[in-house]
Amino acid sequence: SMPGAALAFGESGCGAGECRDCHSLNAKEAMKLLPPGADKINSVDFSEVGGLWRVEGEAQGKKFNLYIDFSKQYIIAGDVIRIRDGADVSHKVDVSEIPAAGGIVLGNPEAPLRIHVFSDVLCPHCDTLHQHLETLVEENQQVQVMVHLLPLMMEKELAAALGCSNSADMLRVAYSSRGNDSKLDDLEPCAHTDVDAVIDFARKWQLNSTPSMILPDGQVVRGSRSLERIEQMLEPYLE
């Protein structure tokens, strides 16, 4: 009787169809499940992690992401790391809100696929990642990188001047010299408006460290990655 039992089991339960056929959660229900403090739920959707909904919302002007399990008995908050590429799938941003002004473009400006990077020229890990990204855009004309300088260690004045120059060459000089090359003295002084917008965005979306890469769908990847790993991350978007 075992084959028949196995067949019957395969035709019912969670293995029989889509999760959304049996499980549902809307923003109003999610708000009731959360502890006090949440001001707004922006979206509820099925997570790429099985058995969980991903809930995005706002609390005291800051964005948050968390998970609620299908039983609606548990809230999961904190980093959820995808083993394949090390991406923190619990942290995503709204790409449309990333400030456009002051970004420095690497590679083909007409490339259909864009990665955003929040970086600081005094950060050695940022320099390492930047070198990998320079190689990436040289080898792949379908990808461009926009660098946003987030002055956690570097001077805001240098971040503003580099952003206004929109010069990938000067940015490379800044990285290689840790911001201490006489060529940088030739940069025109620039208002801090664009840098302030980057700082505000980083604060709102909790980008607290550099480098932070933003993939095309808003997925945040913190820290440096090898060129091979970056290429693996981009495969789903290139397909």
C-alpha atoms as a PDB file:
ATOM      1  CA  SER A   1       0.000   0.000   0.000  1.00  0.00           C
ATOM      2  CA  MET A   2       3.000   2.315   0.291  1.00  0.00           C
ATOM      3  CA  PRO A   3       3.010   3.511  -3.367  1.00  0.00           C
ATOM      4  CA  GLY A   4      -0.659   4.425  -3.128  1.00  0.00           C
ATOM      5  CA  ALA A   5      -0.135   6.244   0.151  1.00  0.00           C
ATOM      6  CA  ALA A   6       2.787   8.174  -1.284  1.00  0.00           C
ATOM      7  CA  LEU A   7       0.760   9.150  -4.343  1.00  0.00           C
ATOM      8  CA  ALA A   8      -2.120  10.357  -2.191  1.00  0.00           C
ATOM      9  CA  PHE A   9       0.246  12.421  -0.067  1.00  0.00           C
ATOM     10  CA  GLY A  10       1.755  13.990  -3.181  1.00  0.00           C
ATOM     11  CA  GLU A  11      -1.635  15.165  -4.418  1.00  0.00           C
ATOM     12  CA  SER A  12      -2.538  17.209  -1.342  1.00  0.00           C
ATOM     13  CA  GLY A  13      -0.926  19.515   1.170  1.00  0.00           C
ATOM     14  CA  CYS A  14       1.736  22.148   0.636  1.00  0.00           C
ATOM     15  CA  GLY A  15       3.520  20.179  -2.085  1.00  0.00           C
ATOM     16  CA  ALA A  16       0.521  20.196  -4.389  1.00  0.00           C
ATOM     17  CA  GLY A  17       0.496  23.810  -5.564  1.00  0.00           C
ATOM     18  CA  GLU A  18       1.493  27.400  -4.887  1.00  0.00           C
ATOM     19  CA  CYS A  19       1.822  28.636  -1.300  1.00  0.00           C
ATOM     20  CA  ARG A  20      -0.596  31.449  -2.087  1.00  0.00           C
ATOM     21  CA  ASP A  21      -3.302  28.835  -2.737  1.00  0.00           C
ATOM     22  CA  CYS A  22      -3.501  28.123   0.998  1.00  0.00           C
ATOM     23  CA  HIS A  23      -1.789  31.000   2.804  1.00  0.00           C
ATOM     24  CA  SER A  24      -2.609  34.695   2.841  1.00  0.00           C
ATOM     25  CA  LEU A  25      -1.633  37.778   4.820  1.00  0.00           C
ATOM     26  CA  ASN A  26      -2.516  41.394   4.099  1.00  0.00           C
ATOM     27  CA  ALA A  27      -1.102  44.643   5.463  1.00  0.00           C
ATOM     28  CA  LYS A  28      -3.928  45.158   7.958  1.00  0.00           C
ATOM     29  CA  GLU A  29      -3.467  41.677   9.419  1.00  0.00           C
ATOM     30  CA  ALA A  30       0.306  42.098   9.517  1.00  0.00           C
ATOM     31  CA  MET A  31      -0.006  45.351  11.467  1.00  0.00           C
ATOM     32  CA  LYS A  32      -2.087  43.595  14.124  1.00  0.00           C
ATOM     33  CA  LEU A  33       0.563  40.899  14.489  1.00  0.00           C
ATOM     34  CA  LEU A  34       3.430  43.333  15.012  1.00  0.00           C
ATOM     35  CA  PRO A  35       4.382  44.719  18.425  1.00  0.00           C
ATOM     36  CA  PRO A  36       3.711  48.433  19.112  1.00  0.00           C
ATOM     37  CA  GLY A  37       5.957  50.861  17.262  1.00  0.00           C
ATOM     38  CA  ALA A  38       5.203  50.235  13.597  1.00  0.00           C
ATOM     39  CA  ASP A  39       3.605  53.220  11.868  1.00  0.00           C
ATOM     40  CA  LYS A  40       2.903  51.795   8.434  1.00  0.00           C
ATOM     41  CA  ILE A  41       3.051  48.569   6.406  1.00  0.00           C
ATOM     42  CA  ASN A  42       4.151  49.213   2.830  1.00  0.00           C
ATOM     43  CA  SER A  43       4.065  45.687   1.437  1.00  0.00           C
ATOM     44  CA  VAL A  44       3.498  42.037   2.307  1.00  0.00           C
ATOM     45  CA  ASP A  45       4.658  39.307  -0.060  1.00  0.00           C
ATOM     46  CA  PHE A  46       5.930  35.755  -0.069  1.00  0.00           C
ATOM     47  CA  SER A  47       9.609  35.557   0.834  1.00  0.00           C
ATOM     48  CA  GLU A  48      12.153  33.641  -1.181  1.00  0.00           C
ATOM     49  CA  VAL A  49      12.680  31.785   2.107  1.00  0.00           C
ATOM     50  CA  GLY A  50       9.995  29.089   2.237  1.00  0.00           C
ATOM     51  CA  GLY A  51       7.202  29.332   4.795  1.00  0.00           C
ATOM     52  CA  LEU A  52       7.588  33.062   5.425  1.00  0.00           C
ATOM     53  CA  TRP A  53       6.022  36.335   4.374  1.00  0.00           C
ATOM     54  CA  ARG A  54       8.311  39.323   3.916  1.00  0.00           C
ATOM     55  CA  VAL A  55       6.849  42.461   5.507  1.00  0.00           C
ATOM     56  CA  GLU A  56       8.182  45.923   4.707  1.00  0.00           C
ATOM     57  CA  GLY A  57       7.115  48.954   6.715  1.00  0.00           C
ATOM     58  CA  GLU A  58       8.089  52.141   8.507  1.00  0.00           C
ATOM     59  CA  ALA A  59       8.632  53.048  12.146  1.00  0.00           C
ATOM     60  CA  GLN A  60       9.559  56.547  13.305  1.00  0.00           C
ATOM     61  CA  GLY A  61      10.593  57.544   9.799  1.00  0.00           C
ATOM     62  CA  LYS A  62      12.863  54.528   9.239  1.00  0.00           C
ATOM     63  CA  LYS A  63      12.261  51.559   6.971  1.00  0.00           C
ATOM     64  CA  PHE A  64      12.161  48.030   8.347  1.00  0.00           C
ATOM     65  CA  ASN A  65      11.967  44.525   6.897  1.00  0.00           C
ATOM     66  CA  LEU A  66      10.920  41.466   8.853  1.00  0.00           C
ATOM     67  CA  TYR A  67       9.300  38.080   8.359  1.00  0.00           C
ATOM     68  CA  ILE A  68       6.126  36.416   9.637  1.00  0.00           C
ATOM     69  CA  ASP A  69       5.768  32.639   9.388  1.00  0.00           C
ATOM     70  CA  PHE A  70       2.778  30.929   7.781  1.00  0.00           C
ATOM     71  CA  SER A  71       1.380  29.943  11.196  1.00  0.00           C
ATOM     72  CA  LYS A  72       1.266  33.654  12.108  1.00  0.00           C
ATOM     73  CA  GLN A  73       2.803  32.770  15.444  1.00  0.00           C
ATOM     74  CA  TYR A  74       6.349  34.042  14.897  1.00  0.00           C
ATOM     75  CA  ILE A  75       8.055  37.253  13.809  1.00  0.00           C
ATOM     76  CA  ILE A  76      11.614  36.909  12.528  1.00  0.00           C
ATOM     77  CA  ALA A  77      13.796  40.016  12.502  1.00  0.00           C
ATOM     78  CA  GLY A  78      17.479  40.355  11.680  1.00  0.00           C
ATOM     79  CA  ASP A  79      19.829  39.302   8.916  1.00  0.00           C
ATOM     80  CA  VAL A  80      18.773  36.466   6.604  1.00  0.00           C
ATOM     81  CA  ILE A  81      21.826  35.518   4.557  1.00  0.00           C
ATOM     82  CA  ARG A  82      21.530  33.678   1.253  1.00  0.00           C
ATOM     83  CA  ILE A  83      24.269  31.041   1.156  1.00  0.00           C
ATOM     84  CA  ARG A  84      24.662  31.157  -2.634  1.00  0.00           C
ATOM     85  CA  ASP A  85      26.110  34.667  -2.759  1.00  0.00           C
ATOM     86  CA  GLY A  86      26.177  35.982   0.806  1.00  0.00           C
ATOM     87  CA  ALA A  87      23.445  38.554   0.145  1.00  0.00           C
ATOM     88  CA  ASP A  88      21.320  39.712   3.069  1.00  0.00           C
ATOM     89  CA  VAL A  89      17.844  39.002   1.660  1.00  0.00           C
ATOM     90  CA  SER A  90      16.252  40.686   4.676  1.00  0.00           C
ATOM     91  CA  HIS A  91      17.616  44.072   3.569  1.00  0.00           C
ATOM     92  CA  LYS A  92      16.245  45.705   0.424  1.00  0.00           C
ATOM     93  CA  VAL A  93      15.842  49.341  -0.577  1.00  0.00           C
ATOM     94  CA  ASP A  94      13.624  51.206  -3.016  1.00  0.00           C
ATOM     95  CA  VAL A  95      15.969  51.790  -5.948  1.00  0.00           C
ATOM     96  CA  SER A  96      13.794  54.646  -7.241  1.00  0.00           C
ATOM     97  CA  GLU A  97      14.678  56.665  -4.128  1.00  0.00           C
ATOM     98  CA  ILE A  98      18.454  56.467  -4.622  1.00  0.00           C
ATOM     99  CA  PRO A  99      19.715  60.020  -5.309  1.00  0.00           C
ATOM    100  CA  ALA A 100      20.783  60.424  -8.922  1.00  0.00           C
ATOM    101  CA  ALA A 101      22.883  63.571  -8.496  1.00  0.00           C
ATOM    102  CA  GLY A 102      26.503  63.163  -7.483  1.00  0.00           C
ATOM    103  CA  GLY A 103      26.807  59.561  -8.612  1.00  0.00           C
ATOM    104  CA  ILE A 104      29.934  58.559 -10.539  1.00  0.00           C
ATOM    105  CA  VAL A 105      29.317  56.121 -13.385  1.00  0.00           C
ATOM    106  CA  LEU A 106      31.676  53.267 -14.202  1.00  0.00           C
ATOM    107  CA  GLY A 107      31.362  51.486 -17.528  1.00  0.00           C
ATOM    108  CA  ASN A 108      28.827  51.875 -20.300  1.00  0.00           C
ATOM    109  CA  PRO A 109      26.348  54.611 -19.283  1.00  0.00           C
ATOM    110  CA  GLU A 110      23.783  53.032 -21.622  1.00  0.00           C
ATOM    111  CA  ALA A 111      24.091  49.565 -20.091  1.00  0.00           C
ATOM    112  CA  PRO A 112      20.669  48.145 -19.192  1.00  0.00           C
ATOM    113  CA  LEU A 113      21.781  46.701 -15.854  1.00  0.00           C
ATOM    114  CA  ARG A 114      22.849  49.064 -13.066  1.00  0.00           C
ATOM    115  CA  ILE A 115      24.451  48.364  -9.706  1.00  0.00           C
ATOM    116  CA  HIS A 116      24.618  51.094  -7.072  1.00  0.00           C
ATOM    117  CA  VAL A 117      27.521  51.173  -4.613  1.00  0.00           C
ATOM    118  CA  PHE A 118      27.753  53.278  -1.456  1.00  0.00           C
ATOM    119  CA  SER A 119      31.439  53.731  -0.791  1.00  0.00           C
ATOM    120  CA  ASP A 120      34.151  55.713   1.016  1.00  0.00           C
ATOM    121  CA  VAL A 121      37.616  56.253  -0.509  1.00  0.00           C
ATOM    122  CA  LEU A 122      39.306  55.788   2.896  1.00  0.00           C
ATOM    123  CA  CYS A 123      37.762  52.333   3.302  1.00  0.00           C
ATOM    124  CA  PRO A 124      40.219  49.609   2.144  1.00  0.00           C
ATOM    125  CA  HIS A 125      37.407  47.110   1.495  1.00  0.00           C
ATOM    126  CA  CYS A 126      35.735  49.733  -0.700  1.00  0.00           C
ATOM    127  CA  ASP A 127      38.929  50.035  -2.739  1.00  0.00           C
ATOM    128  CA  THR A 128      39.091  46.259  -3.198  1.00  0.00           C
ATOM    129  CA  LEU A 129      35.472  46.094  -4.327  1.00  0.00           C
ATOM    130  CA  HIS A 130      35.972  49.084  -6.618  1.00  0.00           C
ATOM    131  CA  GLN A 131      38.822  47.335  -8.433  1.00  0.00           C
ATOM    132  CA  HIS A 132      36.612  44.283  -8.998  1.00  0.00           C
ATOM    133  CA  LEU A 133      33.800  46.488 -10.313  1.00  0.00           C
ATOM    134  CA  GLU A 134      36.175  48.281 -12.696  1.00  0.00           C
ATOM    135  CA  THR A 135      37.125  44.899 -14.142  1.00  0.00           C
ATOM    136  CA  LEU A 136      33.460  43.874 -14.296  1.00  0.00           C
ATOM    137  CA  VAL A 137      32.364  46.846 -16.421  1.00  0.00           C
ATOM    138  CA  GLU A 138      35.400  46.468 -18.697  1.00  0.00           C
ATOM    139  CA  GLU A 139      34.448  42.872 -19.431  1.00  0.00           C
ATOM    140  CA  ASN A 140      30.661  43.256 -19.576  1.00  0.00           C
ATOM    141  CA  GLN A 141      29.060  46.068 -21.543  1.00  0.00           C
ATOM    142  CA  GLN A 142      25.630  45.096 -20.213  1.00  0.00           C
ATOM    143  CA  VAL A 143      26.492  46.320 -16.708  1.00  0.00           C
ATOM    144  CA  GLN A 144      27.149  49.782 -15.333  1.00  0.00           C
ATOM    145  CA  VAL A 145      28.038  50.791 -11.778  1.00  0.00           C
ATOM    146  CA  MET A 146      27.028  54.034 -10.096  1.00  0.00           C
ATOM    147  CA  VAL A 147      29.198  54.949  -7.119  1.00  0.00           C
ATOM    148  CA  HIS A 148      27.678  57.128  -4.383  1.00  0.00           C
ATOM    149  CA  LEU A 149      30.218  58.480  -1.917  1.00  0.00           C
ATOM    150  CA  LEU A 150      29.042  58.085   1.663  1.00  0.00           C
ATOM    151  CA  PRO A 151      31.534  59.950   3.872  1.00  0.00           C
ATOM    152  CA  LEU A 152      31.825  57.797   6.961  1.00  0.00           C
ATOM    153  CA  MET A 153      35.598  58.371   7.170  1.00  0.00           C
ATOM    154  CA  MET A 154      36.467  60.664   4.263  1.00  0.00           C
ATOM    155  CA  GLU A 155      35.862  64.417   4.335  1.00  0.00           C
ATOM    156  CA  LYS A 156      32.494  65.562   3.079  1.00  0.00           C
ATOM    157  CA  GLU A 157      34.221  68.224   0.968  1.00  0.00           C
ATOM    158  CA  LEU A 158      36.169  65.598  -0.980  1.00  0.00           C
ATOM    159  CA  ALA A 159      33.054  63.450  -1.457  1.00  0.00           C
ATOM    160  CA  ALA A 160      31.177  66.464  -2.825  1.00  0.00           C
ATOM    161  CA  ALA A 161      33.995  67.506  -5.162  1.00  0.00           C
ATOM    162  CA  LEU A 162      34.427  64.000  -6.567  1.00  0.00           C
ATOM    163  CA  GLY A 163      30.689  63.615  -7.087  1.00  0.00           C
ATOM    164  CA  CYS A 164      30.430  66.901  -8.950  1.00  0.00           C
ATOM    165  CA  SER A 165      33.395  65.967 -11.145  1.00  0.00           C
ATOM    166  CA  ASN A 166      31.712  62.697 -12.201  1.00  0.00           C
ATOM    167  CA  SER A 167      35.225  61.506 -13.018  1.00  0.00           C
ATOM    168  CA  ALA A 168      35.969  57.802 -12.723  1.00  0.00           C
ATOM    169  CA  ASP A 169      39.664  58.611 -13.188  1.00  0.00           C
ATOM    170  CA  MET A 170      39.750  61.001 -10.233  1.00  0.00           C
ATOM    171  CA  LEU A 171      37.814  58.510  -8.167  1.00  0.00           C
ATOM    172  CA  ARG A 172      40.491  55.889  -8.887  1.00  0.00           C
ATOM    173  CA  VAL A 173      43.172  58.407  -7.801  1.00  0.00           C
ATOM    174  CA  ALA A 174      41.251  59.019  -4.562  1.00  0.00           C
ATOM    175  CA  TYR A 175      41.014  55.297  -3.792  1.00  0.00           C
ATOM    176  CA  SER A 176      44.634  54.486  -4.608  1.00  0.00           C
ATOM    177  CA  SER A 177      45.963  57.399  -2.533  1.00  0.00           C
ATOM    178  CA  ARG A 178      43.398  57.150   0.270  1.00  0.00           C
ATOM    179  CA  GLY A 179      42.352  60.693  -0.582  1.00  0.00           C
ATOM    180  CA  ASN A 180      45.880  62.077  -0.326  1.00  0.00           C
ATOM    181  CA  ASP A 181      47.091  62.883  -3.842  1.00  0.00           C
ATOM    182  CA  SER A 182      47.944  66.370  -5.100  1.00  0.00           C
ATOM    183  CA  LYS A 183      45.847  65.716  -8.213  1.00  0.00           C
ATOM    184  CA  LEU A 184      42.767  65.908  -5.998  1.00  0.00           C
ATOM    185  CA  ASP A 185      43.592  69.539  -5.261  1.00  0.00           C
ATOM    186  CA  ASP A 186      42.545  70.343  -8.831  1.00  0.00           C
ATOM    187  CA  LEU A 187      38.946  69.314  -8.136  1.00  0.00           C
ATOM    188  CA  GLU A 188      36.508  72.190  -8.088  1.00  0.00           C
ATOM    189  CA  PRO A 189      34.883  72.782  -4.672  1.00  0.00           C
ATOM    190  CA  CYS A 190      31.236  71.784  -4.700  1.00  0.00           C
ATOM    191  CA  ALA A 191      28.196  72.274  -2.479  1.00  0.00           C
ATOM    192  CA  HIS A 192      27.327  69.421  -0.117  1.00  0.00           C
ATOM    193  CA  THR A 193      23.754  69.117  -1.382  1.00  0.00           C
ATOM    194  CA  ASP A 194      24.260  65.843  -3.262  1.00  0.00           C
ATOM    195  CA  VAL A 195      26.314  64.275  -0.476  1.00  0.00           C
ATOM    196  CA  ASP A 196      23.705  65.265   2.092  1.00  0.00           C
ATOM    197  CA  ALA A 197      21.068  63.507  -0.041  1.00  0.00           C
ATOM    198  CA  VAL A 198      23.199  60.334  -0.022  1.00  0.00           C
ATOM    199  CA  ILE A 199      23.620  60.560   3.752  1.00  0.00           C
ATOM    200  CA  ASP A 200      19.870  61.014   4.229  1.00  0.00           C
ATOM    201  CA  PHE A 201      19.113  58.035   1.993  1.00  0.00           C
ATOM    202  CA  ALA A 202      21.629  55.861   3.834  1.00  0.00           C
ATOM    203  CA  ARG A 203      20.158  56.832   7.190  1.00  0.00           C
ATOM    204  CA  LYS A 204      16.587  56.142   6.033  1.00  0.00           C
ATOM    205  CA  TRP A 205      17.440  52.715   4.610  1.00  0.00           C
ATOM    206  CA  GLN A 206      19.941  51.772   7.319  1.00  0.00           C
ATOM    207  CA  LEU A 207      23.037  51.583   5.151  1.00  0.00           C
ATOM    208  CA  ASN A 208      25.408  51.845   8.071  1.00  0.00           C
ATOM    209  CA  SER A 209      28.628  50.559   6.544  1.00  0.00           C
ATOM    210  CA  THR A 210      30.699  50.769   3.388  1.00  0.00           C
ATOM    211  CA  PRO A 211      30.885  49.268   0.901  1.00  0.00           C
ATOM    212  CA  SER A 212      27.221  48.480   0.373  1.00  0.00           C
ATOM    213  CA  MET A 213      26.146  47.228  -3.049  1.00  0.00           C
ATOM    214  CA  ILE A 214      22.549  47.604  -4.229  1.00  0.00           C
ATOM    215  CA  LEU A 215      21.536  45.048  -6.847  1.00  0.00           C
ATOM    216  CA  PRO A 216      18.984  45.973  -9.553  1.00  0.00           C
ATOM    217  CA  ASP A 217      15.998  44.802  -7.479  1.00  0.00           C
ATOM    218  CA  GLY A 218      17.105  46.726  -4.384  1.00  0.00           C
ATOM    219  CA  GLN A 219      18.811  43.814  -2.664  1.00  0.00           C
ATOM    220  CA  VAL A 220      21.583  45.029  -0.338  1.00  0.00           C
ATOM    221  CA  VAL A 221      24.947  43.269  -0.288  1.00  0.00           C
ATOM    222  CA  ARG A 222      27.213  44.533   2.465  1.00  0.00           C
ATOM    223  CA  GLY A 223      30.979  44.253   2.233  1.00  0.00           C
ATOM    224  CA  SER A 224      33.382  43.451  -0.576  1.00  0.00           C
ATOM    225  CA  ARG A 225      32.954  40.436  -2.853  1.00  0.00           C
ATOM    226  CA  SER A 226      35.233  38.748  -5.359  1.00  0.00           C
ATOM    227  CA  LEU A 227      34.679  39.374  -9.065  1.00  0.00           C
ATOM    228  CA  GLU A 228      33.495  35.785  -9.487  1.00  0.00           C
ATOM    229  CA  ARG A 229      30.934  36.177  -6.710  1.00  0.00           C
ATOM    230  CA  ILE A 230      29.653  39.462  -8.143  1.00  0.00           C
ATOM    231  CA  GLU A 231      29.199  37.833 -11.545  1.00  0.00           C
ATOM    232  CA  GLN A 232      27.235  35.026  -9.881  1.00  0.00           C
ATOM    233  CA  MET A 233      24.992  37.567  -8.172  1.00  0.00           C
ATOM    234  CA  LEU A 234      24.221  39.232 -11.493  1.00  0.00           C
ATOM    235  CA  GLU A 235      23.407  36.068 -13.425  1.00  0.00           C
ATOM    236  CA  PRO A 236      19.650  36.093 -12.581  1.00  0.00           C
ATOM    237  CA  TYR A 237      19.322  39.722 -13.720  1.00  0.00           C
ATOM    238  CA  LEU A 238      21.278  39.190 -16.935  1.00  0.00           C
ATOM    239  CA  GLU A 239      19.076  36.211 -17.796  1.00  0.00           C
END
